[in-house]
N, C-alpha and C. Protein backbone atom coordinates (compact mmCIF):
# COMPACT_ATOMS: atom_id res chain seq x y z
N UNK A 1 79.63 100.79 99.73
CA UNK A 1 79.82 101.72 98.61
C UNK A 1 78.48 101.99 97.93
N UNK A 2 78.21 103.24 97.63
CA UNK A 2 76.97 103.58 96.93
C UNK A 2 77.02 103.07 95.50
N UNK A 3 75.87 102.72 94.95
CA UNK A 3 75.81 102.34 93.56
C UNK A 3 76.12 103.55 92.68
N UNK A 4 76.91 103.32 91.64
CA UNK A 4 77.30 104.41 90.75
C UNK A 4 76.14 104.87 89.90
N UNK A 5 76.21 106.11 89.48
CA UNK A 5 75.28 106.62 88.48
C UNK A 5 75.66 106.05 87.11
N UNK A 6 74.69 105.94 86.22
CA UNK A 6 74.95 105.44 84.89
C UNK A 6 75.79 106.38 84.06
N UNK A 7 76.43 105.86 83.03
CA UNK A 7 77.31 106.68 82.18
C UNK A 7 76.55 107.84 81.54
N UNK A 8 75.34 107.57 81.09
CA UNK A 8 74.56 108.63 80.47
C UNK A 8 74.26 109.75 81.43
N UNK A 9 73.91 109.38 82.66
CA UNK A 9 73.62 110.40 83.68
C UNK A 9 74.87 111.18 84.03
N UNK A 10 76.02 110.50 84.13
CA UNK A 10 77.26 111.20 84.43
C UNK A 10 77.63 112.19 83.32
N UNK A 11 77.48 111.78 82.07
CA UNK A 11 77.76 112.70 80.97
C UNK A 11 76.88 113.93 81.05
N UNK A 12 75.62 113.72 81.39
CA UNK A 12 74.69 114.83 81.52
C UNK A 12 75.12 115.78 82.63
N UNK A 13 75.46 115.22 83.79
CA UNK A 13 75.83 116.04 84.94
C UNK A 13 77.10 116.84 84.64
N UNK A 14 78.13 116.16 84.15
CA UNK A 14 79.39 116.86 83.92
C UNK A 14 79.31 117.82 82.74
N UNK A 15 78.46 117.53 81.79
CA UNK A 15 78.22 118.49 80.73
C UNK A 15 77.58 119.76 81.26
N UNK A 16 76.71 119.60 82.24
CA UNK A 16 76.00 120.75 82.82
C UNK A 16 76.92 121.61 83.68
N UNK A 17 77.85 120.97 84.41
CA UNK A 17 78.68 121.73 85.36
C UNK A 17 80.08 122.02 84.83
N UNK A 18 80.38 121.68 83.59
CA UNK A 18 81.75 121.75 83.08
C UNK A 18 82.41 123.10 83.32
N UNK A 19 81.69 124.17 83.04
CA UNK A 19 82.29 125.50 83.14
C UNK A 19 82.51 125.94 84.58
N UNK A 20 81.80 125.35 85.52
CA UNK A 20 82.01 125.72 86.92
C UNK A 20 82.66 124.61 87.74
N UNK A 21 83.04 123.52 87.08
CA UNK A 21 83.59 122.37 87.81
C UNK A 21 84.79 122.75 88.66
N UNK A 22 85.74 123.48 88.10
CA UNK A 22 86.96 123.79 88.84
C UNK A 22 86.65 124.52 90.15
N UNK A 23 85.81 125.53 90.06
CA UNK A 23 85.46 126.30 91.26
C UNK A 23 84.66 125.45 92.24
N UNK A 24 83.71 124.67 91.72
CA UNK A 24 82.86 123.87 92.60
C UNK A 24 83.68 122.82 93.35
N UNK A 25 84.54 122.11 92.64
CA UNK A 25 85.32 121.04 93.27
C UNK A 25 86.32 121.62 94.27
N UNK A 26 86.94 122.75 93.91
CA UNK A 26 87.88 123.39 94.82
C UNK A 26 87.18 123.86 96.09
N UNK A 27 85.97 124.39 95.94
CA UNK A 27 85.23 124.88 97.09
C UNK A 27 84.85 123.73 98.03
N UNK A 28 84.30 122.66 97.46
CA UNK A 28 83.84 121.53 98.27
C UNK A 28 85.01 120.87 99.01
N UNK A 29 86.18 120.85 98.39
CA UNK A 29 87.34 120.17 98.97
C UNK A 29 88.29 121.13 99.68
N UNK A 30 87.93 122.40 99.77
CA UNK A 30 88.80 123.43 100.36
C UNK A 30 90.17 123.43 99.69
N UNK A 31 90.17 123.22 98.39
CA UNK A 31 91.35 123.25 97.53
C UNK A 31 92.34 122.11 97.81
N UNK A 32 91.95 121.12 98.59
CA UNK A 32 92.83 119.97 98.77
C UNK A 32 92.94 119.17 97.48
N UNK A 33 91.96 119.33 96.59
CA UNK A 33 92.04 118.63 95.30
C UNK A 33 93.27 119.04 94.53
N UNK A 34 93.57 120.33 94.52
CA UNK A 34 94.74 120.81 93.80
C UNK A 34 96.03 120.35 94.46
N UNK A 35 96.05 120.33 95.78
CA UNK A 35 97.23 119.81 96.48
C UNK A 35 97.50 118.37 96.07
N UNK A 36 96.43 117.56 95.97
CA UNK A 36 96.60 116.18 95.56
C UNK A 36 97.20 116.06 94.17
N UNK A 37 96.71 116.87 93.25
CA UNK A 37 97.25 116.84 91.89
C UNK A 37 98.74 117.18 91.88
N UNK A 38 99.09 118.21 92.60
CA UNK A 38 100.49 118.65 92.62
C UNK A 38 101.40 117.58 93.21
N UNK A 39 100.96 116.94 94.30
CA UNK A 39 101.76 115.88 94.92
C UNK A 39 101.98 114.74 93.94
N UNK A 40 100.93 114.33 93.25
CA UNK A 40 101.05 113.20 92.32
C UNK A 40 101.96 113.53 91.14
N UNK A 41 101.79 114.70 90.56
CA UNK A 41 102.63 115.08 89.42
C UNK A 41 104.09 115.19 89.86
N UNK A 42 104.32 115.81 91.00
CA UNK A 42 105.70 115.98 91.49
C UNK A 42 106.39 114.64 91.73
N UNK A 43 105.62 113.60 92.03
CA UNK A 43 106.20 112.31 92.38
C UNK A 43 106.10 111.26 91.27
N UNK A 44 105.77 111.71 90.06
CA UNK A 44 105.62 110.71 89.00
C UNK A 44 106.14 111.13 87.63
N UNK A 45 106.08 112.40 87.29
CA UNK A 45 106.34 112.85 85.92
C UNK A 45 107.73 113.44 85.78
N UNK A 46 108.39 113.09 84.67
CA UNK A 46 109.68 113.69 84.35
C UNK A 46 109.68 114.12 82.88
N UNK A 47 110.68 114.88 82.52
CA UNK A 47 110.77 115.41 81.15
C UNK A 47 110.81 114.28 80.14
N UNK A 48 110.04 114.46 79.06
CA UNK A 48 110.01 113.49 77.97
C UNK A 48 109.00 112.38 78.13
N UNK A 49 108.30 112.32 79.25
CA UNK A 49 107.34 111.24 79.49
C UNK A 49 106.14 111.32 78.54
N UNK A 50 105.63 110.13 78.22
CA UNK A 50 104.34 109.99 77.55
C UNK A 50 103.30 109.72 78.64
N UNK A 51 102.35 110.63 78.80
CA UNK A 51 101.44 110.63 79.94
C UNK A 51 100.01 110.47 79.46
N UNK A 52 99.24 109.68 80.20
CA UNK A 52 97.80 109.57 79.98
C UNK A 52 97.09 110.06 81.24
N UNK A 53 96.15 110.98 81.06
CA UNK A 53 95.32 111.44 82.17
C UNK A 53 93.90 110.93 81.92
N UNK A 54 93.49 109.93 82.69
CA UNK A 54 92.19 109.30 82.52
C UNK A 54 91.15 109.98 83.40
N UNK A 55 90.01 110.30 82.80
CA UNK A 55 89.05 111.13 83.52
C UNK A 55 89.65 112.51 83.71
N UNK A 56 90.25 113.01 82.64
CA UNK A 56 91.03 114.26 82.71
C UNK A 56 90.18 115.47 83.02
N UNK A 57 88.89 115.40 82.72
CA UNK A 57 88.00 116.52 83.04
C UNK A 57 88.43 117.82 82.39
N UNK A 58 88.57 118.86 83.19
CA UNK A 58 88.93 120.18 82.66
C UNK A 58 90.43 120.36 82.52
N UNK A 59 91.20 119.29 82.71
CA UNK A 59 92.61 119.30 82.36
C UNK A 59 93.56 119.87 83.40
N UNK A 60 93.12 120.05 84.64
CA UNK A 60 94.00 120.67 85.62
C UNK A 60 95.24 119.83 85.90
N UNK A 61 95.06 118.53 86.09
CA UNK A 61 96.22 117.64 86.30
C UNK A 61 97.07 117.57 85.04
N UNK A 62 96.42 117.45 83.90
CA UNK A 62 97.15 117.32 82.63
C UNK A 62 98.01 118.54 82.35
N UNK A 63 97.54 119.73 82.70
CA UNK A 63 98.33 120.94 82.49
C UNK A 63 99.59 120.93 83.34
N UNK A 64 99.46 120.49 84.58
CA UNK A 64 100.65 120.36 85.43
C UNK A 64 101.64 119.38 84.82
N UNK A 65 101.13 118.26 84.32
CA UNK A 65 101.99 117.26 83.71
C UNK A 65 102.64 117.79 82.43
N UNK A 66 101.86 118.53 81.62
CA UNK A 66 102.39 119.04 80.35
C UNK A 66 103.53 120.02 80.57
N UNK A 67 103.46 120.79 81.61
CA UNK A 67 104.56 121.72 81.93
C UNK A 67 105.82 120.95 82.32
N UNK A 68 105.64 119.80 82.95
CA UNK A 68 106.79 119.03 83.43
C UNK A 68 107.42 118.17 82.33
N UNK A 69 106.61 117.65 81.39
CA UNK A 69 107.18 116.75 80.37
C UNK A 69 108.03 117.50 79.35
N UNK A 70 107.80 118.81 79.22
CA UNK A 70 108.58 119.59 78.27
C UNK A 70 108.18 119.33 76.83
N UNK A 71 108.94 119.92 75.93
CA UNK A 71 108.61 119.84 74.51
C UNK A 71 108.75 118.44 73.95
N UNK A 72 109.52 117.58 74.59
CA UNK A 72 109.73 116.22 74.09
C UNK A 72 108.70 115.23 74.61
N UNK A 73 107.84 115.67 75.54
CA UNK A 73 106.82 114.79 76.10
C UNK A 73 105.45 115.03 75.50
N UNK A 74 104.50 114.24 75.92
CA UNK A 74 103.13 114.34 75.41
C UNK A 74 102.16 113.91 76.50
N UNK A 75 101.02 114.61 76.57
CA UNK A 75 99.98 114.27 77.53
C UNK A 75 98.67 114.05 76.78
N UNK A 76 98.10 112.87 76.95
CA UNK A 76 96.81 112.53 76.36
C UNK A 76 95.73 112.69 77.41
N UNK A 77 94.72 113.49 77.12
CA UNK A 77 93.59 113.69 78.03
C UNK A 77 92.44 112.84 77.54
N UNK A 78 91.90 112.01 78.43
CA UNK A 78 90.84 111.07 78.09
C UNK A 78 89.70 111.25 79.08
N UNK A 79 88.49 111.47 78.57
CA UNK A 79 87.36 111.71 79.47
C UNK A 79 86.06 111.30 78.81
N UNK A 80 85.08 110.98 79.64
CA UNK A 80 83.76 110.61 79.16
C UNK A 80 83.02 111.81 78.58
N UNK A 81 83.30 113.01 79.13
CA UNK A 81 82.54 114.21 78.80
C UNK A 81 83.29 115.12 77.83
N UNK A 82 82.74 115.30 76.64
CA UNK A 82 83.32 116.24 75.68
C UNK A 82 83.26 117.66 76.20
N UNK A 83 82.20 117.99 76.96
CA UNK A 83 82.07 119.35 77.50
C UNK A 83 83.22 119.68 78.45
N UNK A 84 83.62 118.71 79.25
CA UNK A 84 84.76 118.94 80.15
C UNK A 84 86.05 119.13 79.36
N UNK A 85 86.22 118.36 78.29
CA UNK A 85 87.43 118.50 77.48
C UNK A 85 87.45 119.81 76.70
N UNK A 86 86.29 120.36 76.39
CA UNK A 86 86.25 121.69 75.76
C UNK A 86 86.90 122.72 76.67
N UNK A 87 86.57 122.65 77.96
CA UNK A 87 87.20 123.56 78.93
C UNK A 87 88.70 123.30 79.01
N UNK A 88 89.09 122.03 78.98
CA UNK A 88 90.51 121.68 79.03
C UNK A 88 91.26 122.25 77.83
N UNK A 89 90.66 122.17 76.66
CA UNK A 89 91.29 122.73 75.46
C UNK A 89 91.49 124.24 75.59
N UNK A 90 90.49 124.91 76.13
CA UNK A 90 90.60 126.36 76.32
C UNK A 90 91.74 126.71 77.28
N UNK A 91 91.87 125.95 78.35
CA UNK A 91 92.95 126.19 79.31
C UNK A 91 94.32 125.89 78.70
N UNK A 92 94.40 124.83 77.90
CA UNK A 92 95.66 124.50 77.23
C UNK A 92 96.08 125.61 76.28
N UNK A 93 95.12 126.16 75.55
CA UNK A 93 95.42 127.24 74.62
C UNK A 93 95.89 128.49 75.37
N UNK A 94 95.26 128.79 76.49
CA UNK A 94 95.67 129.96 77.28
C UNK A 94 97.10 129.82 77.77
N UNK A 95 97.49 128.59 78.13
CA UNK A 95 98.84 128.35 78.63
C UNK A 95 99.83 128.00 77.52
N UNK A 96 99.36 128.03 76.28
CA UNK A 96 100.20 127.73 75.12
C UNK A 96 100.84 126.35 75.23
N UNK A 97 100.03 125.38 75.66
CA UNK A 97 100.52 124.01 75.84
C UNK A 97 99.81 123.01 74.92
N UNK A 98 98.98 123.52 74.01
CA UNK A 98 98.17 122.61 73.21
C UNK A 98 98.99 121.69 72.32
N UNK A 99 100.22 122.09 71.97
CA UNK A 99 101.06 121.23 71.13
C UNK A 99 101.54 119.99 71.87
N UNK A 100 101.52 120.04 73.18
CA UNK A 100 101.96 118.90 73.99
C UNK A 100 100.79 118.02 74.42
N UNK A 101 99.58 118.35 74.01
CA UNK A 101 98.40 117.68 74.53
C UNK A 101 97.49 117.20 73.42
N UNK A 102 96.85 116.05 73.63
CA UNK A 102 95.82 115.56 72.73
C UNK A 102 94.60 115.19 73.56
N UNK A 103 93.43 115.12 72.91
CA UNK A 103 92.17 114.98 73.63
C UNK A 103 91.33 113.89 72.99
N UNK A 104 90.73 113.05 73.85
CA UNK A 104 89.93 111.93 73.35
C UNK A 104 88.84 111.58 74.35
N UNK A 105 87.65 111.27 73.84
CA UNK A 105 86.55 110.86 74.71
C UNK A 105 86.40 109.34 74.70
N UNK A 106 85.85 108.82 75.80
CA UNK A 106 85.60 107.38 75.89
C UNK A 106 85.40 106.92 77.31
N UNK A 107 85.39 105.62 77.48
CA UNK A 107 85.06 104.96 78.74
C UNK A 107 86.35 104.46 79.40
N UNK A 108 86.60 104.87 80.64
CA UNK A 108 87.81 104.46 81.35
C UNK A 108 87.90 102.96 81.57
N UNK A 109 86.78 102.27 81.57
CA UNK A 109 86.79 100.83 81.82
C UNK A 109 87.14 100.06 80.55
N UNK A 110 87.21 100.75 79.43
CA UNK A 110 87.54 100.10 78.15
C UNK A 110 88.42 101.06 77.35
N UNK A 111 89.65 101.24 77.79
CA UNK A 111 90.54 102.22 77.17
C UNK A 111 90.97 101.78 75.77
N UNK A 112 90.95 102.70 74.80
CA UNK A 112 91.30 102.36 73.42
C UNK A 112 92.80 102.48 73.15
N UNK A 113 93.62 102.05 74.10
CA UNK A 113 95.07 102.13 73.97
C UNK A 113 95.69 100.75 74.14
N UNK A 114 96.82 100.55 73.49
CA UNK A 114 97.52 99.27 73.58
C UNK A 114 98.10 99.06 74.98
N UNK A 115 98.37 97.81 75.30
CA UNK A 115 99.10 97.51 76.54
C UNK A 115 100.43 98.25 76.54
N UNK A 116 100.87 98.66 77.73
CA UNK A 116 102.24 99.19 77.92
C UNK A 116 102.53 100.40 77.02
N UNK A 117 101.59 101.36 77.00
CA UNK A 117 101.70 102.49 76.08
C UNK A 117 102.27 103.76 76.71
N UNK A 118 102.14 103.94 78.04
CA UNK A 118 102.44 105.23 78.66
C UNK A 118 103.43 105.08 79.82
N UNK A 119 104.27 106.12 79.96
CA UNK A 119 105.21 106.14 81.08
C UNK A 119 104.51 106.43 82.40
N UNK A 120 103.50 107.29 82.36
CA UNK A 120 102.76 107.66 83.56
C UNK A 120 101.28 107.71 83.21
N UNK A 121 100.44 107.16 84.09
CA UNK A 121 98.99 107.18 83.89
C UNK A 121 98.34 107.75 85.16
N UNK A 122 97.51 108.76 84.97
CA UNK A 122 96.83 109.43 86.08
C UNK A 122 95.34 109.10 86.13
N UNK A 123 94.82 109.09 87.34
CA UNK A 123 93.39 109.23 87.58
C UNK A 123 93.25 110.09 88.83
N UNK A 124 92.88 111.34 88.64
CA UNK A 124 92.69 112.22 89.79
C UNK A 124 91.20 112.54 89.93
N UNK A 125 90.58 111.90 90.93
CA UNK A 125 89.18 112.10 91.27
C UNK A 125 88.23 111.60 90.18
N UNK A 126 88.69 110.68 89.35
CA UNK A 126 87.84 110.17 88.27
C UNK A 126 87.39 108.73 88.49
N UNK A 127 88.01 108.00 89.41
CA UNK A 127 87.52 106.66 89.74
C UNK A 127 86.32 106.72 90.67
N UNK A 128 86.19 107.81 91.42
CA UNK A 128 85.12 107.93 92.43
C UNK A 128 83.72 107.78 91.83
N UNK A 129 83.40 108.42 90.70
CA UNK A 129 82.06 108.26 90.13
C UNK A 129 81.93 107.10 89.15
N UNK A 130 83.00 106.37 88.89
CA UNK A 130 82.99 105.35 87.84
C UNK A 130 82.13 104.16 88.23
N UNK A 131 81.41 103.60 87.26
CA UNK A 131 80.52 102.47 87.55
C UNK A 131 81.28 101.20 87.91
N UNK A 132 82.55 101.10 87.50
CA UNK A 132 83.39 99.95 87.83
C UNK A 132 84.79 100.47 88.17
N UNK A 133 85.00 100.99 89.39
CA UNK A 133 86.29 101.59 89.70
C UNK A 133 87.46 100.62 89.65
N UNK A 134 87.24 99.38 90.07
CA UNK A 134 88.32 98.40 90.01
C UNK A 134 88.68 98.10 88.56
N UNK A 135 87.65 97.91 87.72
CA UNK A 135 87.91 97.69 86.30
C UNK A 135 88.66 98.85 85.68
N UNK A 136 88.29 100.07 86.05
CA UNK A 136 88.99 101.25 85.55
C UNK A 136 90.43 101.30 86.01
N UNK A 137 90.66 100.98 87.28
CA UNK A 137 92.02 101.00 87.82
C UNK A 137 92.90 99.96 87.11
N UNK A 138 92.36 98.80 86.84
CA UNK A 138 93.14 97.77 86.17
C UNK A 138 93.43 98.13 84.72
N UNK A 139 92.55 98.92 84.11
CA UNK A 139 92.84 99.45 82.77
C UNK A 139 94.01 100.44 82.82
N UNK A 140 94.05 101.26 83.87
CA UNK A 140 95.19 102.16 84.03
C UNK A 140 96.49 101.35 84.09
N UNK A 141 96.45 100.27 84.85
CA UNK A 141 97.62 99.42 85.00
C UNK A 141 98.01 98.78 83.67
N UNK A 142 97.02 98.32 82.93
CA UNK A 142 97.29 97.63 81.66
C UNK A 142 98.05 98.51 80.68
N UNK A 143 97.66 99.79 80.58
CA UNK A 143 98.26 100.65 79.56
C UNK A 143 99.54 101.33 80.02
N UNK A 144 99.96 101.08 81.27
CA UNK A 144 101.21 101.63 81.78
C UNK A 144 102.38 100.75 81.36
N UNK A 145 103.45 101.37 80.93
CA UNK A 145 104.64 100.61 80.54
C UNK A 145 105.28 99.94 81.75
N UNK A 146 105.92 98.78 81.56
CA UNK A 146 106.73 98.22 82.65
C UNK A 146 107.77 99.23 83.11
N UNK A 147 107.85 99.42 84.41
CA UNK A 147 108.72 100.44 84.96
C UNK A 147 108.06 101.80 85.06
N UNK A 148 106.84 101.93 84.52
CA UNK A 148 106.11 103.19 84.58
C UNK A 148 105.32 103.34 85.87
N UNK A 149 104.62 104.45 85.98
CA UNK A 149 103.93 104.78 87.22
C UNK A 149 102.43 105.02 86.99
N UNK A 150 101.65 104.60 87.98
CA UNK A 150 100.21 104.86 88.03
C UNK A 150 99.98 105.78 89.22
N UNK A 151 99.40 106.95 88.99
CA UNK A 151 99.21 107.96 90.04
C UNK A 151 97.72 108.24 90.19
N UNK A 152 97.20 108.05 91.40
CA UNK A 152 95.76 108.07 91.63
C UNK A 152 95.41 108.91 92.85
N UNK A 153 94.32 109.66 92.73
CA UNK A 153 93.68 110.31 93.88
C UNK A 153 92.21 109.99 93.81
N UNK A 154 91.65 109.50 94.92
CA UNK A 154 90.21 109.23 94.93
C UNK A 154 89.64 109.40 96.33
N UNK A 155 88.34 109.54 96.40
CA UNK A 155 87.66 109.69 97.68
C UNK A 155 87.77 108.40 98.49
N UNK A 156 87.87 108.57 99.81
CA UNK A 156 87.98 107.43 100.70
C UNK A 156 87.18 107.75 101.97
N UNK A 157 86.74 106.73 102.67
CA UNK A 157 85.95 106.96 103.87
C UNK A 157 86.80 107.56 104.98
N UNK A 158 86.23 108.45 105.80
CA UNK A 158 86.96 108.96 106.97
C UNK A 158 87.35 107.81 107.89
N UNK A 159 88.48 107.96 108.55
CA UNK A 159 88.96 106.90 109.44
C UNK A 159 88.24 106.89 110.78
N UNK A 160 87.94 108.06 111.31
CA UNK A 160 87.30 108.13 112.63
C UNK A 160 85.83 107.73 112.51
N UNK A 161 85.34 106.82 113.34
CA UNK A 161 83.96 106.33 113.19
C UNK A 161 82.89 107.41 113.34
N UNK A 162 83.09 108.37 114.21
CA UNK A 162 82.10 109.43 114.39
C UNK A 162 82.06 110.32 113.15
N UNK A 163 83.23 110.66 112.64
CA UNK A 163 83.28 111.48 111.43
C UNK A 163 82.70 110.71 110.25
N UNK A 164 82.98 109.41 110.20
CA UNK A 164 82.42 108.59 109.12
C UNK A 164 80.89 108.56 109.20
N UNK A 165 80.36 108.43 110.40
CA UNK A 165 78.89 108.44 110.57
C UNK A 165 78.30 109.75 110.08
N UNK A 166 78.92 110.86 110.43
CA UNK A 166 78.42 112.17 110.00
C UNK A 166 78.53 112.33 108.49
N UNK A 167 79.64 111.88 107.92
CA UNK A 167 79.83 111.99 106.47
C UNK A 167 78.78 111.19 105.72
N UNK A 168 78.42 110.02 106.23
CA UNK A 168 77.41 109.20 105.59
C UNK A 168 76.06 109.91 105.57
N UNK A 169 75.71 110.61 106.65
CA UNK A 169 74.44 111.34 106.70
C UNK A 169 74.42 112.50 105.72
N UNK A 170 75.54 113.21 105.63
CA UNK A 170 75.62 114.33 104.69
C UNK A 170 75.60 113.82 103.25
N UNK A 171 76.31 112.74 103.01
CA UNK A 171 76.33 112.15 101.66
C UNK A 171 74.94 111.70 101.22
N UNK A 172 74.15 111.20 102.17
CA UNK A 172 72.80 110.75 101.82
C UNK A 172 71.96 111.89 101.28
N UNK A 173 72.19 113.09 101.78
CA UNK A 173 71.49 114.28 101.28
C UNK A 173 72.08 114.72 99.95
N UNK A 174 73.42 114.79 99.90
CA UNK A 174 74.09 115.25 98.67
C UNK A 174 73.80 114.33 97.49
N UNK A 175 73.61 113.03 97.77
CA UNK A 175 73.37 112.08 96.68
C UNK A 175 72.05 112.37 95.97
N UNK A 176 71.14 113.06 96.64
CA UNK A 176 69.87 113.44 96.01
C UNK A 176 70.04 114.65 95.10
N UNK A 177 71.21 115.26 95.14
CA UNK A 177 71.52 116.44 94.32
C UNK A 177 72.73 116.12 93.45
N UNK A 178 72.54 115.39 92.36
CA UNK A 178 73.69 114.91 91.58
C UNK A 178 74.61 116.02 91.08
N UNK A 179 74.08 117.19 90.81
CA UNK A 179 74.93 118.30 90.36
C UNK A 179 75.90 118.72 91.47
N UNK A 180 75.54 118.40 92.73
CA UNK A 180 76.41 118.72 93.86
C UNK A 180 77.36 117.56 94.17
N UNK A 181 76.83 116.35 94.25
CA UNK A 181 77.67 115.18 94.56
C UNK A 181 78.55 114.78 93.39
N UNK A 182 78.12 115.09 92.17
CA UNK A 182 78.84 114.74 90.94
C UNK A 182 79.05 113.23 90.81
N UNK A 183 78.20 112.46 91.51
CA UNK A 183 78.31 111.01 91.44
C UNK A 183 79.48 110.43 92.20
N UNK A 184 80.17 111.25 92.99
CA UNK A 184 81.38 110.79 93.68
C UNK A 184 81.04 110.00 94.94
N UNK A 185 81.80 108.95 95.19
CA UNK A 185 81.66 108.18 96.41
C UNK A 185 83.00 107.54 96.72
N UNK A 186 83.13 107.04 97.94
CA UNK A 186 84.38 106.40 98.34
C UNK A 186 84.59 105.11 97.56
N UNK A 187 85.82 104.86 97.14
CA UNK A 187 86.15 103.63 96.43
C UNK A 187 87.42 103.03 97.04
N UNK A 188 87.75 101.82 96.64
CA UNK A 188 88.92 101.13 97.17
C UNK A 188 89.51 100.26 96.06
N UNK A 189 90.57 100.75 95.42
CA UNK A 189 91.16 100.04 94.29
C UNK A 189 92.61 99.64 94.52
N UNK A 190 93.24 100.18 95.55
CA UNK A 190 94.66 99.90 95.76
C UNK A 190 94.96 98.42 95.94
N UNK A 191 94.17 97.66 96.72
CA UNK A 191 94.48 96.23 96.86
C UNK A 191 94.51 95.49 95.52
N UNK A 192 93.62 95.85 94.61
CA UNK A 192 93.57 95.18 93.31
C UNK A 192 94.79 95.53 92.47
N UNK A 193 95.26 96.77 92.56
CA UNK A 193 96.45 97.16 91.82
C UNK A 193 97.70 96.49 92.40
N UNK A 194 97.73 96.33 93.70
CA UNK A 194 98.85 95.61 94.31
C UNK A 194 98.81 94.13 93.92
N UNK A 195 97.62 93.56 93.88
CA UNK A 195 97.49 92.17 93.45
C UNK A 195 97.96 91.98 92.01
N UNK A 196 97.77 93.02 91.20
CA UNK A 196 98.21 92.96 89.80
C UNK A 196 99.72 93.06 89.67
N UNK A 197 100.39 93.48 90.76
CA UNK A 197 101.84 93.56 90.74
C UNK A 197 102.41 94.93 91.05
N UNK A 198 101.56 95.92 91.21
CA UNK A 198 102.03 97.27 91.47
C UNK A 198 102.76 97.40 92.79
N UNK A 199 103.82 98.20 92.80
CA UNK A 199 104.62 98.44 94.01
C UNK A 199 104.39 99.88 94.47
N UNK A 200 103.93 100.05 95.70
CA UNK A 200 103.58 101.38 96.19
C UNK A 200 104.84 102.20 96.44
N UNK A 201 104.88 103.39 95.82
CA UNK A 201 105.98 104.33 96.02
C UNK A 201 105.58 105.49 96.92
N UNK A 202 104.29 105.82 96.91
CA UNK A 202 103.78 106.94 97.71
C UNK A 202 102.37 106.58 98.15
N UNK A 203 102.06 106.86 99.42
CA UNK A 203 100.72 106.61 99.94
C UNK A 203 100.44 107.62 101.04
N UNK A 204 99.38 108.43 100.86
CA UNK A 204 99.04 109.39 101.90
C UNK A 204 97.58 109.81 101.78
N UNK A 205 97.05 110.29 102.87
CA UNK A 205 95.70 110.85 102.92
C UNK A 205 95.80 112.37 103.02
N UNK A 206 94.88 113.05 102.34
CA UNK A 206 94.79 114.50 102.44
C UNK A 206 93.32 114.87 102.47
N UNK A 207 93.05 116.16 102.63
CA UNK A 207 91.68 116.64 102.50
C UNK A 207 91.02 116.96 103.83
N UNK A 208 89.78 117.43 103.74
CA UNK A 208 89.02 117.78 104.93
C UNK A 208 88.55 116.49 105.61
N UNK A 209 88.33 116.51 106.93
CA UNK A 209 87.99 115.28 107.65
C UNK A 209 86.76 114.56 107.11
N UNK A 210 85.74 115.31 106.69
CA UNK A 210 84.51 114.66 106.21
C UNK A 210 84.69 114.01 104.84
N UNK A 211 85.55 114.57 104.00
CA UNK A 211 85.72 114.07 102.64
C UNK A 211 87.19 113.95 102.31
N UNK A 212 87.87 112.96 102.91
CA UNK A 212 89.30 112.79 102.64
C UNK A 212 89.55 112.13 101.28
N UNK A 213 90.78 112.31 100.82
CA UNK A 213 91.24 111.66 99.60
C UNK A 213 92.43 110.76 99.92
N UNK A 214 92.52 109.66 99.19
CA UNK A 214 93.70 108.81 99.23
C UNK A 214 94.53 109.09 97.99
N UNK A 215 95.81 109.37 98.20
CA UNK A 215 96.75 109.56 97.09
C UNK A 215 97.73 108.39 97.08
N UNK A 216 98.00 107.87 95.91
CA UNK A 216 99.07 106.87 95.83
C UNK A 216 99.70 106.88 94.45
N UNK A 217 100.98 106.51 94.44
CA UNK A 217 101.74 106.30 93.21
C UNK A 217 102.29 104.89 93.28
N UNK A 218 102.03 104.11 92.24
CA UNK A 218 102.56 102.76 92.14
C UNK A 218 103.47 102.65 90.93
N UNK A 219 104.43 101.75 91.04
CA UNK A 219 105.29 101.42 89.90
C UNK A 219 104.88 100.06 89.36
N UNK A 220 104.72 99.97 88.05
CA UNK A 220 104.48 98.69 87.41
C UNK A 220 105.83 98.01 87.19
N UNK A 221 106.01 96.80 87.69
CA UNK A 221 107.33 96.16 87.63
C UNK A 221 107.86 96.06 86.20
N UNK A 222 109.14 96.34 86.06
CA UNK A 222 109.79 96.17 84.76
C UNK A 222 109.93 94.68 84.48
N UNK A 223 109.72 94.32 83.21
CA UNK A 223 109.82 92.90 82.85
C UNK A 223 111.25 92.55 82.45
């Protein structure tokens, strides 16, 4: 795994690309990023849920969730970058969903929420650039209610060795262009969440061969 970029550098990068992030990420992933969001929301959120979207960015996942929770639900968007959340607020206002959404900045590895606070907790493509992805994933687990769900999409290494070799060479170039790589790299957090007690409800790979994503939904056991 590549060493993560520092928090300050990540804030700088995402602040710079905030207005073009949606187009850039969709282009690089051939829109498989949106497919991943839709799969996770469809398999985790129901009306009335209290939802946390960690690393919410420009709010694309959160907007899908806000439409599903209805007027009785709530979606909290949490991100390191205020610039990304500015875009999310604009999108929420356009869709007239701002009453169902709240916005907060901070560090995913040290969430300012109580244990067992949310019915559903998301991380879509936000663990990949994190300096401590396992620590971030365990924070998602901590703030999920017993019986609630943790829904995650993150970059993962290609399975085929030849494709993996090629991806590593391309990544070595992209890593020199942080505005392009966005600090993203393959991570592996599912074993730690299972060790914490999570039960896998959904597990699948999607995306282009060079840059696949792992999607999973886990249930936190009810006490």
